Every structure is written in structure tokens, then in C-alpha cells.
């Protein structure tokens, strides 16, 4: 029997309209359009390195700023991840990755525990990269963890803010790719409690 791990999430508020389509067992095909160029770049890198097929389209109140657009996109993406995982039966559950990008180095560890928690240290120096507030980068990952039901520890070092952020999202992607993989020896969920939801 083939398990299909796909989802489609639509999230509409007075501030944003978000549409996400996700296939956890894809090939890394991505189409991203949030109106926030650097965030699009990070999400494209995320989908590509996680080997997820990912389509994201967001229409947000960018005349205000990028906060609602980034936050609501991340909330939608986390919801799509949780939906695609179902009861999380048979998955590895844990994943970790270390990714260098020139002078930057990012480390990420993930637990698809069903319990959201985020510990993030991205030492960026600029207030913005393009039209993306760097303050919103960690917030996006925290928001994704909240609706995605996972705990994440993500740290980075470096001098170039672009490299720090991109290495971080790549490490996140690689760790998540490992965590969602099926464990051929696992029957049921990877928890002594019997649930990951």
C-alpha cells in the first residue's frame, strides 16, 4: 500500500490570504510567491533541500509591513506539514543537520513530537534583507513549529546575514527531511506514549 503524504491548506484573515500545497515525498519542486523576495528565496531553498514539492502563494498587507505576510505564511506551512504527516506513524521523528555556507554555519535539531517549541539563535546584524525584516526570520520558524507540532533548536554563526539566514533554512530543511522519512523498522509511532499528536 502506498501512503500519500500531501496536504492543501488555505488560510484567510483580514490581513492575508495564504494557499499552501505540500508533498512530503516530492522531488524538491517549488513555486513560491509571498511578495517578500528574500522570504521567497528562503522558502524555495527550504523546499528544495527538504525534497518537498511545495507551492506557496500569499497576498498580504505589505503596505503595512512584511510581518503578517511572513507569519501567516509560516502558520499555513506548519499546518500543511502537520496535515501531511497525519498520525506520524512510521516516521523517524528526529532529525538533525549541520550546513555550512561560506563563513556561516547553521545547526538544526528537530523532534516531530507534537509539542511545539522553538529555540533559535540567528545572529543577524541588519534590520532588513531586501524587503524582509530579519526579526521575522526566527518568528517564521517559531510560527511554523506552533502549527506544525514540532520542537526545533536552530543556531547559526557567521558574518554575512544572507549566508546566516540561508544556511539556517537549509539546515532546517535537511533536519526536517530526515525526521519525516519512514523508518523501515518502525511499526506505529516513535513514542512510548503511543502518540505524537
N, C-alpha and C. Protein backbone atom coordinates (compact mmCIF):
# COMPACT_ATOMS: atom_id res chain seq x y z
N UNK A 1 0.84 -1.18 0.00
CA UNK A 1 0.00 0.00 0.00
C UNK A 1 0.89 1.25 0.00
N UNK A 2 0.59 2.20 -0.88
CA UNK A 2 1.34 3.44 -0.96
C UNK A 2 0.64 4.51 -0.13
N UNK A 3 1.41 5.14 0.73
CA UNK A 3 0.88 6.22 1.56
C UNK A 3 1.14 7.54 0.85
N UNK A 4 0.10 8.36 0.72
CA UNK A 4 0.23 9.68 0.13
C UNK A 4 0.30 10.71 1.24
N UNK A 5 1.41 11.44 1.28
CA UNK A 5 1.59 12.42 2.35
C UNK A 5 1.58 13.82 1.73
N UNK A 6 0.38 14.24 1.40
CA UNK A 6 0.19 15.54 0.78
C UNK A 6 -0.84 16.33 1.58
N UNK A 7 -0.83 17.62 1.37
CA UNK A 7 -1.84 18.46 2.02
C UNK A 7 -2.05 19.72 1.21
N UNK A 8 -3.17 20.33 1.45
CA UNK A 8 -3.51 21.62 0.85
C UNK A 8 -4.18 22.44 1.93
N UNK A 9 -3.59 23.60 2.24
CA UNK A 9 -4.11 24.45 3.30
C UNK A 9 -4.36 25.85 2.75
N UNK A 10 -5.54 26.36 3.04
CA UNK A 10 -5.88 27.75 2.72
C UNK A 10 -6.17 28.47 4.03
N UNK A 11 -5.56 29.63 4.19
CA UNK A 11 -5.72 30.41 5.42
C UNK A 11 -6.05 31.85 5.01
N UNK A 12 -7.20 32.33 5.44
CA UNK A 12 -7.63 33.68 5.08
C UNK A 12 -7.95 34.48 6.33
N UNK A 13 -7.35 35.66 6.43
CA UNK A 13 -7.67 36.59 7.51
C UNK A 13 -7.93 37.95 6.87
N UNK A 14 -8.18 38.96 7.69
CA UNK A 14 -8.34 40.31 7.16
C UNK A 14 -7.02 40.89 6.68
N UNK A 15 -5.91 40.22 7.05
CA UNK A 15 -4.58 40.73 6.69
C UNK A 15 -3.92 39.96 5.55
N UNK A 16 -4.25 38.68 5.43
CA UNK A 16 -3.57 37.85 4.42
C UNK A 16 -4.49 36.78 3.84
N UNK A 17 -4.12 36.34 2.65
CA UNK A 17 -4.72 35.15 2.03
C UNK A 17 -3.55 34.24 1.67
N UNK A 18 -3.52 33.04 2.26
CA UNK A 18 -2.40 32.13 2.09
C UNK A 18 -2.90 30.80 1.52
N UNK A 19 -2.21 30.30 0.51
CA UNK A 19 -2.50 28.98 -0.05
C UNK A 19 -1.20 28.19 -0.08
N UNK A 20 -1.23 26.99 0.51
CA UNK A 20 -0.05 26.12 0.57
C UNK A 20 -0.43 24.74 0.06
N UNK A 21 0.40 24.19 -0.82
CA UNK A 21 0.29 22.79 -1.23
C UNK A 21 1.62 22.13 -0.96
N UNK A 22 1.58 20.95 -0.33
CA UNK A 22 2.79 20.29 0.13
C UNK A 22 2.75 18.80 -0.15
N UNK A 23 3.85 18.27 -0.66
CA UNK A 23 4.03 16.83 -0.84
C UNK A 23 5.35 16.47 -0.18
N UNK A 24 5.28 15.74 0.93
CA UNK A 24 6.49 15.39 1.68
C UNK A 24 7.41 14.45 0.92
N UNK A 25 6.87 13.73 -0.04
CA UNK A 25 7.65 12.74 -0.78
C UNK A 25 7.88 13.19 -2.22
N UNK A 26 8.13 14.47 -2.38
CA UNK A 26 8.32 15.05 -3.70
C UNK A 26 9.76 15.00 -4.15
N UNK A 27 10.10 15.91 -5.06
CA UNK A 27 11.44 15.95 -5.65
C UNK A 27 12.13 17.29 -5.44
N UNK A 28 11.50 18.17 -4.65
CA UNK A 28 12.08 19.49 -4.42
C UNK A 28 11.60 20.53 -5.40
N UNK A 29 10.47 20.28 -6.05
CA UNK A 29 9.89 21.25 -6.98
C UNK A 29 9.15 22.32 -6.18
N UNK A 30 9.51 23.58 -6.35
CA UNK A 30 8.92 24.65 -5.56
C UNK A 30 8.44 25.81 -6.42
N UNK A 31 7.34 26.41 -6.00
CA UNK A 31 6.83 27.65 -6.55
C UNK A 31 6.41 28.51 -5.37
N UNK A 32 7.08 29.62 -5.18
CA UNK A 32 6.83 30.47 -4.01
C UNK A 32 6.57 31.89 -4.47
N UNK A 33 5.49 32.48 -3.93
CA UNK A 33 5.20 33.89 -4.21
C UNK A 33 4.49 34.49 -3.01
N UNK A 34 5.25 35.16 -2.16
CA UNK A 34 4.66 35.83 -0.99
C UNK A 34 4.70 37.34 -1.11
N UNK A 35 5.44 37.84 -2.10
CA UNK A 35 5.63 39.27 -2.21
C UNK A 35 6.80 39.79 -1.39
N UNK A 36 7.42 38.92 -0.61
CA UNK A 36 8.60 39.26 0.19
C UNK A 36 9.77 38.48 -0.40
N UNK A 37 10.55 39.15 -1.22
CA UNK A 37 11.53 38.48 -2.06
C UNK A 37 12.50 37.58 -1.33
N UNK A 38 13.11 38.06 -0.25
CA UNK A 38 14.10 37.23 0.44
C UNK A 38 13.43 36.05 1.14
N UNK A 39 12.22 36.24 1.64
CA UNK A 39 11.49 35.13 2.26
C UNK A 39 11.15 34.08 1.20
N UNK A 40 10.78 34.53 -0.01
CA UNK A 40 10.55 33.59 -1.12
C UNK A 40 11.81 32.76 -1.37
N UNK A 41 12.95 33.44 -1.38
CA UNK A 41 14.24 32.77 -1.61
C UNK A 41 14.50 31.71 -0.55
N UNK A 42 14.23 32.04 0.71
CA UNK A 42 14.47 31.09 1.80
C UNK A 42 13.50 29.90 1.72
N UNK A 43 12.24 30.15 1.41
CA UNK A 43 11.28 29.06 1.30
C UNK A 43 11.57 28.17 0.10
N UNK A 44 12.05 28.77 -0.99
CA UNK A 44 12.43 27.96 -2.15
C UNK A 44 13.60 27.05 -1.80
N UNK A 45 14.58 27.58 -1.09
CA UNK A 45 15.71 26.79 -0.65
C UNK A 45 15.26 25.70 0.32
N UNK A 46 14.35 26.05 1.23
CA UNK A 46 13.80 25.10 2.19
C UNK A 46 13.15 23.91 1.48
N UNK A 47 12.23 24.19 0.55
CA UNK A 47 11.55 23.11 -0.16
C UNK A 47 12.50 22.26 -0.98
N UNK A 48 13.44 22.91 -1.64
CA UNK A 48 14.40 22.20 -2.47
C UNK A 48 15.26 21.24 -1.66
N UNK A 49 15.77 21.71 -0.52
CA UNK A 49 16.68 20.88 0.27
C UNK A 49 15.96 19.86 1.15
N UNK A 50 14.69 20.09 1.42
CA UNK A 50 13.89 19.08 2.12
C UNK A 50 13.38 18.02 1.15
N UNK A 51 13.50 18.29 -0.15
CA UNK A 51 12.93 17.45 -1.21
C UNK A 51 11.41 17.35 -1.09
N UNK A 52 10.80 18.47 -0.67
CA UNK A 52 9.35 18.58 -0.66
C UNK A 52 8.92 19.26 -1.95
N UNK A 53 7.79 18.83 -2.51
CA UNK A 53 7.14 19.64 -3.54
C UNK A 53 6.29 20.65 -2.79
N UNK A 54 6.51 21.91 -3.09
CA UNK A 54 5.91 22.97 -2.29
C UNK A 54 5.43 24.11 -3.17
N UNK A 55 4.17 24.48 -3.00
CA UNK A 55 3.63 25.66 -3.65
C UNK A 55 3.06 26.57 -2.58
N UNK A 56 3.52 27.82 -2.57
CA UNK A 56 3.05 28.79 -1.59
C UNK A 56 2.67 30.07 -2.33
N UNK A 57 1.47 30.55 -2.08
CA UNK A 57 1.04 31.84 -2.63
C UNK A 57 0.39 32.64 -1.52
N UNK A 58 0.91 33.82 -1.27
CA UNK A 58 0.38 34.68 -0.21
C UNK A 58 0.14 36.08 -0.76
N UNK A 59 -1.03 36.61 -0.46
CA UNK A 59 -1.35 38.00 -0.72
C UNK A 59 -1.53 38.66 0.64
N UNK A 60 -0.62 39.55 1.00
CA UNK A 60 -0.66 40.15 2.32
C UNK A 60 -0.67 41.65 2.29
N UNK A 61 -0.82 42.22 3.46
CA UNK A 61 -0.88 43.68 3.60
C UNK A 61 0.53 44.27 3.67
N UNK A 62 1.26 44.13 2.58
CA UNK A 62 2.65 44.61 2.54
C UNK A 62 2.74 46.13 2.63
N UNK A 63 1.62 46.81 2.43
CA UNK A 63 1.63 48.26 2.63
C UNK A 63 1.81 48.59 4.12
N UNK A 64 1.49 47.65 4.99
CA UNK A 64 1.74 47.81 6.43
C UNK A 64 3.20 47.49 6.71
N UNK A 65 3.57 46.24 6.51
CA UNK A 65 4.95 45.75 6.54
C UNK A 65 4.91 44.28 6.19
N UNK A 66 6.00 43.56 6.38
CA UNK A 66 6.04 42.16 5.96
C UNK A 66 5.63 41.19 7.07
N UNK A 67 5.34 41.68 8.27
CA UNK A 67 5.13 40.80 9.42
C UNK A 67 3.97 39.82 9.20
N UNK A 68 2.79 40.32 8.88
CA UNK A 68 1.63 39.45 8.74
C UNK A 68 1.83 38.45 7.61
N UNK A 69 2.43 38.88 6.52
CA UNK A 69 2.66 38.00 5.38
C UNK A 69 3.59 36.85 5.76
N UNK A 70 4.70 37.16 6.40
CA UNK A 70 5.66 36.12 6.79
C UNK A 70 5.04 35.20 7.85
N UNK A 71 4.44 35.79 8.87
CA UNK A 71 3.86 34.99 9.96
C UNK A 71 2.77 34.06 9.46
N UNK A 72 1.81 34.60 8.70
CA UNK A 72 0.68 33.78 8.27
C UNK A 72 1.09 32.73 7.25
N UNK A 73 2.07 33.04 6.42
CA UNK A 73 2.61 32.03 5.51
C UNK A 73 3.21 30.87 6.30
N UNK A 74 3.98 31.20 7.33
CA UNK A 74 4.61 30.17 8.16
C UNK A 74 3.56 29.35 8.91
N UNK A 75 2.52 30.01 9.43
CA UNK A 75 1.45 29.28 10.11
C UNK A 75 0.77 28.31 9.14
N UNK A 76 0.53 28.75 7.91
CA UNK A 76 -0.07 27.89 6.90
C UNK A 76 0.83 26.73 6.54
N UNK A 77 2.12 26.99 6.43
CA UNK A 77 3.07 25.93 6.08
C UNK A 77 3.17 24.90 7.20
N UNK A 78 3.18 25.35 8.45
CA UNK A 78 3.19 24.42 9.57
C UNK A 78 1.94 23.56 9.61
N UNK A 79 0.79 24.16 9.35
CA UNK A 79 -0.47 23.40 9.29
C UNK A 79 -0.43 22.36 8.18
N UNK A 80 0.13 22.74 7.03
CA UNK A 80 0.24 21.80 5.91
C UNK A 80 1.15 20.63 6.27
N UNK A 81 2.25 20.91 6.96
CA UNK A 81 3.16 19.86 7.39
C UNK A 81 2.45 18.88 8.33
N UNK A 82 1.76 19.42 9.32
CA UNK A 82 1.06 18.57 10.28
C UNK A 82 0.00 17.71 9.60
N UNK A 83 -0.73 18.32 8.69
CA UNK A 83 -1.78 17.58 7.96
C UNK A 83 -1.17 16.47 7.11
N UNK A 84 -0.08 16.77 6.42
CA UNK A 84 0.56 15.77 5.56
C UNK A 84 1.14 14.61 6.37
N UNK A 85 1.59 14.88 7.59
CA UNK A 85 2.16 13.83 8.44
C UNK A 85 1.10 12.91 9.03
N UNK A 86 -0.13 13.35 9.09
CA UNK A 86 -1.19 12.51 9.67
C UNK A 86 -0.89 12.18 11.12
N UNK A 87 -0.99 10.88 11.48
CA UNK A 87 -0.72 10.49 12.87
C UNK A 87 0.77 10.27 13.14
N UNK A 88 1.61 10.54 12.13
CA UNK A 88 3.07 10.47 12.23
C UNK A 88 3.57 9.05 12.44
N UNK A 89 2.76 8.10 12.05
CA UNK A 89 3.12 6.70 12.21
C UNK A 89 4.25 6.31 11.25
N UNK A 90 5.25 5.62 11.78
CA UNK A 90 6.31 5.06 10.96
C UNK A 90 7.46 5.99 10.63
N UNK A 91 7.39 7.25 11.06
CA UNK A 91 8.44 8.20 10.70
C UNK A 91 9.63 8.11 11.67
N UNK A 92 10.75 8.65 11.23
CA UNK A 92 11.94 8.69 12.09
C UNK A 92 11.71 9.53 13.34
N UNK A 93 10.96 10.60 13.21
CA UNK A 93 10.59 11.55 14.25
C UNK A 93 11.68 12.58 14.51
N UNK A 94 12.92 12.16 14.68
CA UNK A 94 14.02 13.08 14.97
C UNK A 94 14.86 13.33 13.72
N UNK A 95 15.41 14.52 13.63
CA UNK A 95 16.33 14.84 12.54
C UNK A 95 17.29 15.93 12.97
N UNK A 96 18.49 15.88 12.43
CA UNK A 96 19.45 16.94 12.71
C UNK A 96 20.33 17.15 11.50
N UNK A 97 20.89 18.36 11.41
CA UNK A 97 21.70 18.70 10.25
C UNK A 97 22.63 19.85 10.59
N UNK A 98 23.81 19.83 9.98
CA UNK A 98 24.75 20.94 10.04
C UNK A 98 25.06 21.37 8.62
N UNK A 99 24.87 22.65 8.35
CA UNK A 99 25.05 23.16 6.98
C UNK A 99 25.97 24.38 6.98
N UNK A 100 27.07 24.31 6.22
CA UNK A 100 27.93 25.49 6.05
C UNK A 100 27.50 26.27 4.81
N UNK A 101 27.70 27.56 4.84
CA UNK A 101 27.55 28.39 3.65
C UNK A 101 28.62 29.47 3.73
N UNK A 102 29.71 29.24 3.03
CA UNK A 102 30.87 30.12 3.12
C UNK A 102 31.28 30.27 4.59
N UNK A 103 31.28 31.48 5.13
CA UNK A 103 31.73 31.69 6.50
C UNK A 103 30.67 31.33 7.54
N UNK A 104 29.43 31.13 7.10
CA UNK A 104 28.32 30.85 8.02
C UNK A 104 28.18 29.35 8.26
N UNK A 105 27.72 29.01 9.45
CA UNK A 105 27.47 27.62 9.82
C UNK A 105 26.19 27.57 10.62
N UNK A 106 25.28 26.68 10.21
CA UNK A 106 24.00 26.52 10.90
C UNK A 106 23.82 25.08 11.35
N UNK A 107 23.25 24.93 12.54
CA UNK A 107 22.96 23.61 13.11
C UNK A 107 21.50 23.56 13.51
N UNK A 108 20.84 22.45 13.18
CA UNK A 108 19.42 22.31 13.48
C UNK A 108 19.12 20.90 13.98
N UNK A 109 18.31 20.81 15.02
CA UNK A 109 17.78 19.54 15.50
C UNK A 109 16.28 19.67 15.66
N UNK A 110 15.55 18.65 15.22
CA UNK A 110 14.08 18.69 15.20
C UNK A 110 13.52 17.42 15.83
N UNK A 111 12.42 17.58 16.53
CA UNK A 111 11.64 16.47 17.07
C UNK A 111 10.19 16.69 16.67
N UNK A 112 9.65 15.80 15.85
CA UNK A 112 8.25 15.90 15.42
C UNK A 112 7.36 15.29 16.50
N UNK A 113 7.45 15.86 17.67
CA UNK A 113 6.86 15.32 18.90
C UNK A 113 5.38 15.61 19.06
N UNK A 114 4.87 16.56 18.28
CA UNK A 114 3.52 17.05 18.51
C UNK A 114 3.48 18.20 19.50
N UNK A 115 4.64 18.49 20.11
CA UNK A 115 4.74 19.56 21.09
C UNK A 115 5.57 20.71 20.50
N UNK A 116 4.94 21.85 20.24
CA UNK A 116 5.67 22.97 19.62
C UNK A 116 6.60 23.67 20.60
N UNK A 117 7.84 23.87 20.16
CA UNK A 117 8.81 24.63 20.95
C UNK A 117 9.91 25.06 20.01
N UNK A 118 10.42 26.25 20.20
CA UNK A 118 11.47 26.76 19.31
C UNK A 118 12.54 27.49 20.11
N UNK A 119 13.78 27.06 19.91
CA UNK A 119 14.95 27.74 20.47
C UNK A 119 15.81 28.14 19.27
N UNK A 120 15.88 29.44 19.00
CA UNK A 120 16.50 29.91 17.76
C UNK A 120 17.49 31.03 18.06
N UNK A 121 18.68 30.91 17.50
CA UNK A 121 19.70 31.95 17.65
C UNK A 121 20.33 32.21 16.29
N UNK A 122 19.85 33.27 15.64
CA UNK A 122 20.38 33.67 14.34
C UNK A 122 20.98 35.07 14.50
N UNK A 123 22.28 35.18 14.61
CA UNK A 123 22.91 36.46 14.95
C UNK A 123 23.07 37.41 13.76
N UNK A 124 21.93 37.80 13.18
CA UNK A 124 21.97 38.74 12.06
C UNK A 124 22.18 40.16 12.57
N UNK A 125 22.74 40.99 11.72
CA UNK A 125 23.12 42.36 12.13
C UNK A 125 22.23 43.43 11.50
N UNK A 126 21.71 43.15 10.30
CA UNK A 126 20.90 44.14 9.61
C UNK A 126 19.44 44.05 10.04
N UNK A 127 18.71 45.12 9.91
CA UNK A 127 17.28 45.11 10.21
C UNK A 127 16.48 44.46 9.08
N UNK A 128 16.99 44.57 7.84
CA UNK A 128 16.29 44.02 6.68
C UNK A 128 17.28 43.36 5.74
N UNK A 129 16.80 42.32 5.06
CA UNK A 129 17.47 41.79 3.88
C UNK A 129 16.45 41.94 2.76
N UNK A 130 16.72 42.82 1.82
CA UNK A 130 15.69 43.17 0.84
C UNK A 130 14.52 43.81 1.57
N UNK A 131 13.31 43.31 1.29
CA UNK A 131 12.12 43.83 1.97
C UNK A 131 11.65 42.91 3.09
N UNK A 132 12.55 42.03 3.55
CA UNK A 132 12.22 41.09 4.62
C UNK A 132 12.90 41.52 5.91
N UNK A 133 12.10 41.75 6.94
CA UNK A 133 12.65 42.08 8.25
C UNK A 133 13.37 40.87 8.82
N UNK A 134 14.62 41.02 9.21
CA UNK A 134 15.36 39.89 9.76
C UNK A 134 14.76 39.43 11.09
N UNK A 135 14.06 40.32 11.79
CA UNK A 135 13.38 39.95 13.02
C UNK A 135 12.32 38.87 12.76
N UNK A 136 11.78 38.86 11.55
CA UNK A 136 10.72 37.91 11.22
C UNK A 136 11.23 36.53 10.83
N UNK A 137 12.54 36.37 10.64
CA UNK A 137 13.06 35.06 10.24
C UNK A 137 12.87 34.03 11.34
N UNK A 138 13.31 34.34 12.55
CA UNK A 138 13.10 33.42 13.68
C UNK A 138 11.62 33.28 13.97
N UNK A 139 10.88 34.38 13.85
CA UNK A 139 9.43 34.33 14.12
C UNK A 139 8.72 33.40 13.14
N UNK A 140 9.16 33.37 11.90
CA UNK A 140 8.56 32.46 10.91
C UNK A 140 8.75 31.01 11.34
N UNK A 141 9.95 30.67 11.78
CA UNK A 141 10.22 29.28 12.18
C UNK A 141 9.44 28.94 13.45
N UNK A 142 9.37 29.87 14.39
CA UNK A 142 8.56 29.66 15.60
C UNK A 142 7.10 29.43 15.24
N UNK A 143 6.59 30.21 14.30
CA UNK A 143 5.20 30.08 13.88
C UNK A 143 4.95 28.74 13.21
N UNK A 144 5.89 28.30 12.40
CA UNK A 144 5.77 27.01 11.73
C UNK A 144 5.78 25.88 12.75
N UNK A 145 6.64 26.00 13.78
CA UNK A 145 6.70 24.98 14.83
C UNK A 145 5.37 24.91 15.58
N UNK A 146 4.74 26.08 15.80
CA UNK A 146 3.49 26.13 16.56
C UNK A 146 2.40 25.31 15.88
N UNK A 147 2.18 25.55 14.59
CA UNK A 147 1.10 24.83 13.91
C UNK A 147 1.56 23.48 13.38
N UNK A 148 2.88 23.32 13.21
CA UNK A 148 3.40 22.05 12.71
C UNK A 148 3.58 21.00 13.80
N UNK A 149 3.57 21.42 15.05
CA UNK A 149 3.68 20.48 16.15
C UNK A 149 5.05 19.83 16.25
N UNK A 150 6.10 20.67 16.22
CA UNK A 150 7.44 20.12 16.39
C UNK A 150 8.27 21.04 17.26
N UNK A 151 9.30 20.47 17.85
CA UNK A 151 10.27 21.29 18.57
C UNK A 151 11.52 21.40 17.72
N UNK A 152 12.14 22.57 17.77
CA UNK A 152 13.30 22.85 16.93
C UNK A 152 14.33 23.64 17.72
N UNK A 153 15.57 23.25 17.56
CA UNK A 153 16.71 24.01 18.07
C UNK A 153 17.55 24.38 16.85
N UNK A 154 17.71 25.66 16.62
CA UNK A 154 18.39 26.15 15.42
C UNK A 154 19.34 27.27 15.80
N UNK A 155 20.61 27.07 15.51
CA UNK A 155 21.62 28.09 15.80
C UNK A 155 22.48 28.31 14.58
N UNK A 156 23.06 29.48 14.49
CA UNK A 156 23.94 29.79 13.37
C UNK A 156 25.01 30.76 13.82
N UNK A 157 26.08 30.80 13.06
CA UNK A 157 27.14 31.78 13.26
C UNK A 157 27.60 32.25 11.90
N UNK A 158 28.27 33.40 11.87
CA UNK A 158 28.76 33.92 10.60
C UNK A 158 28.79 35.43 10.63
N UNK A 159 29.12 36.02 9.46
CA UNK A 159 29.24 37.47 9.36
C UNK A 159 28.30 38.06 8.32
N UNK A 160 27.91 37.28 7.34
CA UNK A 160 27.04 37.75 6.27
C UNK A 160 25.61 37.32 6.59
N UNK A 161 24.72 38.30 6.75
CA UNK A 161 23.35 37.99 7.16
C UNK A 161 22.63 37.08 6.17
N UNK A 162 22.84 37.31 4.88
CA UNK A 162 22.23 36.46 3.86
C UNK A 162 22.68 35.02 4.06
N UNK A 163 23.97 34.81 4.25
CA UNK A 163 24.51 33.47 4.43
C UNK A 163 23.98 32.82 5.70
N UNK A 164 23.91 33.59 6.79
CA UNK A 164 23.41 33.06 8.06
C UNK A 164 21.98 32.57 7.89
N UNK A 165 21.13 33.40 7.31
CA UNK A 165 19.72 33.04 7.15
C UNK A 165 19.54 31.86 6.20
N UNK A 166 20.26 31.87 5.09
CA UNK A 166 20.09 30.79 4.12
C UNK A 166 20.63 29.47 4.66
N UNK A 167 21.77 29.50 5.33
CA UNK A 167 22.30 28.28 5.94
C UNK A 167 21.31 27.73 6.97
N UNK A 168 20.69 28.63 7.74
CA UNK A 168 19.73 28.22 8.75
C UNK A 168 18.53 27.51 8.13
N UNK A 169 17.97 28.07 7.06
CA UNK A 169 16.81 27.44 6.43
C UNK A 169 17.19 26.14 5.74
N UNK A 170 18.41 26.05 5.23
CA UNK A 170 18.86 24.79 4.64
C UNK A 170 19.05 23.72 5.71
N UNK A 171 19.64 24.10 6.85
CA UNK A 171 19.80 23.14 7.94
C UNK A 171 18.43 22.68 8.46
N UNK A 172 17.50 23.61 8.57
CA UNK A 172 16.12 23.30 8.95
C UNK A 172 15.52 22.29 7.98
N UNK A 173 15.69 22.55 6.70
CA UNK A 173 15.15 21.66 5.66
C UNK A 173 15.74 20.26 5.75
N UNK A 174 17.05 20.17 5.88
CA UNK A 174 17.71 18.87 5.92
C UNK A 174 17.33 18.09 7.18
N UNK A 175 17.21 18.78 8.32
CA UNK A 175 16.80 18.11 9.55
C UNK A 175 15.36 17.60 9.43
N UNK A 176 14.49 18.42 8.86
CA UNK A 176 13.09 18.03 8.70
C UNK A 176 12.96 16.88 7.70
N UNK A 177 13.75 16.93 6.64
CA UNK A 177 13.75 15.84 5.66
C UNK A 177 14.06 14.50 6.34
N UNK A 178 15.04 14.50 7.23
CA UNK A 178 15.38 13.27 7.96
C UNK A 178 14.26 12.84 8.89
N UNK A 179 13.66 13.80 9.58
CA UNK A 179 12.64 13.48 10.58
C UNK A 179 11.37 12.89 9.96
N UNK A 180 11.00 13.34 8.76
CA UNK A 180 9.76 12.85 8.13
C UNK A 180 9.95 11.53 7.38
N UNK A 181 11.21 11.12 7.19
CA UNK A 181 11.47 9.86 6.48
C UNK A 181 10.88 8.68 7.24
N UNK A 182 10.46 7.68 6.50
CA UNK A 182 9.96 6.46 7.13
C UNK A 182 11.12 5.62 7.66
N UNK A 183 10.92 5.02 8.80
CA UNK A 183 11.86 4.09 9.40
C UNK A 183 11.38 2.68 9.06
N UNK A 184 12.13 1.93 8.25
CA UNK A 184 11.66 0.62 7.83
C UNK A 184 11.49 -0.38 8.98
N UNK A 185 12.09 -0.09 10.12
CA UNK A 185 11.98 -0.99 11.27
C UNK A 185 10.87 -0.57 12.22
N UNK A 186 10.26 0.56 11.96
CA UNK A 186 9.27 1.13 12.88
C UNK A 186 7.86 0.71 12.52
N UNK A 187 7.13 0.21 13.50
CA UNK A 187 5.71 -0.06 13.35
C UNK A 187 4.98 0.87 14.31
N UNK A 188 4.11 1.69 13.80
CA UNK A 188 3.41 2.65 14.64
C UNK A 188 4.25 3.89 14.87
N UNK A 189 3.93 4.64 15.90
CA UNK A 189 4.62 5.90 16.15
C UNK A 189 5.85 5.70 17.02
N UNK A 190 6.82 6.58 16.84
CA UNK A 190 8.08 6.50 17.60
C UNK A 190 7.92 7.19 18.94
N UNK A 191 7.09 6.59 19.80
CA UNK A 191 6.85 7.16 21.12
C UNK A 191 6.38 6.07 22.07
N UNK A 192 6.93 6.05 23.27
CA UNK A 192 6.47 5.08 24.27
C UNK A 192 5.07 5.42 24.75
N UNK A 193 4.62 6.66 24.50
CA UNK A 193 3.25 7.06 24.86
C UNK A 193 2.22 6.55 23.88
N UNK A 194 2.68 6.21 22.67
CA UNK A 194 1.78 5.71 21.65
C UNK A 194 1.13 6.79 20.80
N UNK A 195 1.57 8.04 20.97
CA UNK A 195 1.01 9.12 20.15
C UNK A 195 2.03 10.23 19.98
N UNK A 196 1.97 10.89 18.83
CA UNK A 196 2.79 12.08 18.55
C UNK A 196 1.89 13.26 18.19
N UNK A 197 0.66 13.21 18.66
CA UNK A 197 -0.28 14.30 18.37
C UNK A 197 -0.81 14.89 19.67
